[in-house]
Structure formats: structure tokens, C-alpha cells
């Protein structure tokens, strides 16, 4: 039942791939390169804001790393083929034939967006990043490298990772101080 829904949603989204070069190019760019925007946003927050925001940036990095670790563990126990491995749908770019559930790209982006949404200092940018992360995940389905449930699974992993880091944030204070201290020493040179 769930797999049938997954396939139906995939066909509903992917059926338009390959029909419009402009839309395809947009989907390819967002599917492959959207995480760069998240990295740039974290760099800007780190440079332009104070210590509180630097801590939030580090928490976001921790959440993304934890989310990717969770994805790796899931991938060790559960294999789900990508659409082009079955093969179904239209694929817009070459991609490695590996497990599709959950999406690492989407987990990375949504973990960052959710983590920074927990703090008032970064809440506005988190809304923008959350929308961009969802667009990036949707684009990966449109481009034929993921199923919709891969993206939904990524959102679930991101919620778990970001909440875990949020609840552990007080325990991470000393690590943050060390990282910020190393950064200060490097920046002084």
C-alpha cells in the first residue's frame, strides 16, 4: 500500500521531467547544488553575527552531521532502490546506484533549517532555508533520483537529529568554545 502510494506520487511529480529544458535545468541545479546555499548561509551567519549565532551555526552543523550518520545507519539495514534502478521514470542527471532512503541532500538541508528555527536569532532565515530545502528535495524526485517517501523519511530523520542536538546543546558548549577559540586564532593571523 505505502509502496504503491510512493510510486503514484513519484509518477505524479516525475512525469513532467524531460519536457521543458528550462524547468529541467532548474530542477537539476536545485537537486544537485541547493546544499551550497545552506553552507553559504551558515558561513554568512558565522561571519556577520556574534557568539550566540556562532553557537547556533555549530548546532546546525552538528544536526546535519547527526542526520547523515542516522541516514548511513539506516542504509546499512534497509536498501531501497532509486527510481532509475528499477528502472522507472525519467532521470535528468547521472547518479550513483545506491540506496535511496532517506535522501542525504534533503536530510542535510532540512536538519540545518530546523536546527536554526529553534532560536529567535535565526528564525527568519530558517523559514527561507526550510522552503529551499523542500524545493531541493522535491527537485530530487522531479529529477528521478529519489522517491517522495525518501524525502519524507529525510524530514523525519532531520526532526530527530535537530531535536537531539537541541536537547544536547548545553553539553556541547565546551566543544563550541574550543571550535570558536581555534577559529579566533586562525582569523587573527
Protein backbone atom coordinates (compact mmCIF):
# COMPACT_ATOMS: atom_id res chain seq x y z
CA UNK A 1 0.00 0.00 0.00
CA UNK A 2 2.70 2.50 1.02
CA UNK A 3 4.93 1.46 -1.90
CA UNK A 4 2.00 1.94 -4.29
CA UNK A 5 1.43 5.44 -2.90
CA UNK A 6 5.17 6.15 -3.19
CA UNK A 7 5.15 5.07 -6.86
CA UNK A 8 1.98 7.04 -7.63
CA UNK A 9 3.41 10.21 -6.08
CA UNK A 10 6.70 9.66 -7.91
CA UNK A 11 4.93 9.36 -11.28
CA UNK A 12 2.80 12.42 -10.50
CA UNK A 13 5.94 14.52 -9.92
CA UNK A 14 8.43 12.94 -12.33
CA UNK A 15 6.06 12.76 -15.33
CA UNK A 16 7.00 16.33 -16.29
CA UNK A 17 10.77 15.71 -16.31
CA UNK A 18 12.35 15.99 -19.75
CA UNK A 19 9.55 18.10 -21.23
CA UNK A 20 10.86 21.64 -20.68
CA UNK A 21 14.59 22.45 -20.84
CA UNK A 22 14.22 25.46 -18.52
CA UNK A 23 12.34 23.51 -15.84
CA UNK A 24 14.74 20.57 -16.20
CA UNK A 25 17.78 22.84 -15.78
CA UNK A 26 16.22 24.46 -12.70
CA UNK A 27 15.46 21.02 -11.23
CA UNK A 28 18.97 19.75 -11.93
CA UNK A 29 20.59 22.82 -10.36
CA UNK A 30 18.40 22.74 -7.26
CA UNK A 31 18.62 18.95 -6.88
CA UNK A 32 22.41 18.92 -7.08
CA UNK A 33 23.57 22.28 -5.74
CA UNK A 34 20.99 23.57 -3.24
CA UNK A 35 23.12 22.41 -0.26
CA UNK A 36 25.72 25.02 -1.28
CA UNK A 37 23.22 27.76 -0.42
CA UNK A 38 22.90 26.26 3.07
CA UNK A 39 26.67 26.21 3.52
CA UNK A 40 26.90 29.83 2.35
CA UNK A 41 24.09 30.83 4.72
CA UNK A 42 25.93 29.25 7.66
CA UNK A 43 29.17 30.99 6.65
CA UNK A 44 27.36 34.35 6.47
CA UNK A 45 25.74 33.80 9.86
CA UNK A 46 29.12 32.83 11.33
CA UNK A 47 30.90 35.91 9.95
CA UNK A 48 28.23 38.58 10.43
CA UNK A 49 26.82 37.70 13.82
CA UNK A 50 28.08 37.33 17.40
CA UNK A 51 28.88 34.41 19.70
CA UNK A 52 25.27 33.34 20.16
CA UNK A 53 24.79 32.93 16.43
CA UNK A 54 28.13 31.14 16.10
CA UNK A 55 26.82 28.60 18.60
CA UNK A 56 23.64 28.20 16.56
CA UNK A 57 25.70 27.64 13.40
CA UNK A 58 27.69 24.93 15.18
CA UNK A 59 24.48 23.29 16.42
CA UNK A 60 23.18 23.30 12.84
CA UNK A 61 26.38 21.62 11.65
CA UNK A 62 26.10 19.01 14.41
CA UNK A 63 22.46 18.36 13.48
CA UNK A 64 23.37 17.89 9.81
CA UNK A 65 26.20 15.51 10.72
CA UNK A 66 23.96 13.54 13.08
CA UNK A 67 21.25 13.35 10.41
CA UNK A 68 23.75 11.99 7.87
CA UNK A 69 25.02 9.45 10.39
CA UNK A 70 21.43 8.29 11.00
CA UNK A 71 20.95 8.01 7.23
CA UNK A 72 24.11 5.92 6.95
CA UNK A 73 22.91 3.55 9.68
CA UNK A 74 19.50 3.22 8.03
CA UNK A 75 21.23 2.48 4.73
CA UNK A 76 23.18 -0.35 6.36
CA UNK A 77 19.97 -2.11 7.39
CA UNK A 78 17.47 -1.09 4.74
CA UNK A 79 18.03 -0.89 0.99
CA UNK A 80 15.53 0.80 -1.28
CA UNK A 81 16.47 1.18 -4.96
CA UNK A 82 16.44 4.54 -6.64
CA UNK A 83 13.80 5.02 -9.36
CA UNK A 84 16.28 4.62 -12.21
CA UNK A 85 17.49 1.32 -10.75
CA UNK A 86 14.07 -0.32 -11.15
CA UNK A 87 14.00 1.37 -13.87
CA UNK A 88 11.08 3.79 -13.86
CA UNK A 89 10.60 7.46 -14.63
CA UNK A 90 12.85 9.96 -16.33
CA UNK A 91 16.27 10.70 -14.85
CA UNK A 92 17.73 14.14 -15.57
CA UNK A 93 21.33 13.53 -14.46
CA UNK A 94 23.64 10.62 -13.78
CA UNK A 95 23.62 9.42 -10.19
CA UNK A 96 25.23 6.61 -8.24
CA UNK A 97 23.14 3.45 -7.93
CA UNK A 98 22.81 3.18 -4.15
CA UNK A 99 20.04 3.09 -1.58
CA UNK A 100 17.64 5.98 -1.93
CA UNK A 101 16.10 6.05 1.54
CA UNK A 102 16.45 8.59 3.07
CA UNK A 103 17.89 11.40 0.95
CA UNK A 104 21.23 12.69 2.25
CA UNK A 105 20.86 16.02 0.42
CA UNK A 106 17.44 16.65 1.94
CA UNK A 107 18.50 15.50 5.41
CA UNK A 108 21.47 17.87 5.30
CA UNK A 109 19.34 20.85 4.29
CA UNK A 110 16.30 20.24 6.50
CA UNK A 111 18.44 19.43 9.56
CA UNK A 112 20.13 22.81 9.24
CA UNK A 113 16.87 24.67 8.62
CA UNK A 114 15.10 23.01 11.55
CA UNK A 115 18.02 23.46 13.94
CA UNK A 116 18.28 27.19 13.36
CA UNK A 117 14.48 27.55 13.58
CA UNK A 118 14.66 26.75 17.30
CA UNK A 119 16.40 30.07 18.02
CA UNK A 120 14.83 33.52 17.65
CA UNK A 121 18.10 34.99 16.33
CA UNK A 122 17.93 32.84 13.20
CA UNK A 123 14.25 32.07 12.85
CA UNK A 124 13.64 34.33 9.83
CA UNK A 125 16.42 32.80 7.75
CA UNK A 126 15.34 29.33 8.87
CA UNK A 127 11.97 29.80 7.16
CA UNK A 128 13.69 30.67 3.88
CA UNK A 129 16.07 27.72 4.23
CA UNK A 130 13.24 25.34 5.08
CA UNK A 131 11.41 26.35 1.89
CA UNK A 132 14.62 25.97 -0.14
CA UNK A 133 15.27 22.57 1.44
CA UNK A 134 11.80 21.36 0.50
CA UNK A 135 12.28 22.67 -3.05
CA UNK A 136 15.63 20.84 -3.19
CA UNK A 137 14.00 17.59 -2.01
CA UNK A 138 11.12 17.96 -4.46
CA UNK A 139 13.63 18.60 -7.26
CA UNK A 140 15.38 15.33 -6.48
CA UNK A 141 12.09 13.50 -7.03
CA UNK A 142 11.38 15.51 -10.17
CA UNK A 143 14.88 14.67 -11.48
CA UNK A 144 14.27 10.95 -10.95
CA UNK A 145 16.90 10.19 -8.29
CA UNK A 146 14.56 9.84 -5.29
CA UNK A 147 11.07 8.74 -4.39
CA UNK A 148 8.73 11.03 -2.40
CA UNK A 149 8.99 8.79 0.69
CA UNK A 150 12.77 9.23 0.61
CA UNK A 151 12.20 12.94 1.12
CA UNK A 152 9.57 12.39 3.82
CA UNK A 153 11.96 9.97 5.56
CA UNK A 154 14.65 12.66 5.40
CA UNK A 155 12.34 15.13 7.09
CA UNK A 156 11.72 12.58 9.87
CA UNK A 157 15.46 12.00 10.31
CA UNK A 158 16.05 15.76 10.33
CA UNK A 159 13.46 16.27 13.06
CA UNK A 160 15.11 13.59 15.20
CA UNK A 161 18.65 14.91 14.59
CA UNK A 162 17.80 18.56 15.21
CA UNK A 163 15.78 17.82 18.37
CA UNK A 164 18.58 15.59 19.71
CA UNK A 165 21.16 18.36 19.20
CA UNK A 166 18.80 20.96 20.66
CA UNK A 167 18.39 18.91 23.83
CA UNK A 168 22.14 18.24 23.99
CA UNK A 169 23.15 21.84 23.27
CA UNK A 170 24.21 22.60 26.85
CA UNK A 171 26.55 19.59 26.75
CA UNK A 172 28.10 20.93 23.54
CA UNK A 173 29.08 24.32 24.99
CA UNK A 174 32.68 23.36 25.74
CA UNK A 175 33.14 21.91 22.24
CA UNK A 176 31.72 25.13 20.76
CA UNK A 177 34.17 27.22 22.82
CA UNK A 178 37.09 25.15 21.56
CA UNK A 179 35.99 25.49 17.94
CA UNK A 180 35.37 29.22 18.32
CA UNK A 181 38.78 29.59 20.00
CA UNK A 182 40.51 27.81 17.13
CA UNK A 183 38.64 30.00 14.65
CA UNK A 184 39.70 33.16 16.52
CA UNK A 185 43.36 32.10 16.45
CA UNK A 186 43.18 31.40 12.71
CA UNK A 187 41.29 34.63 12.00
CA UNK A 188 43.90 36.71 13.87
CA UNK A 189 46.67 35.58 11.50
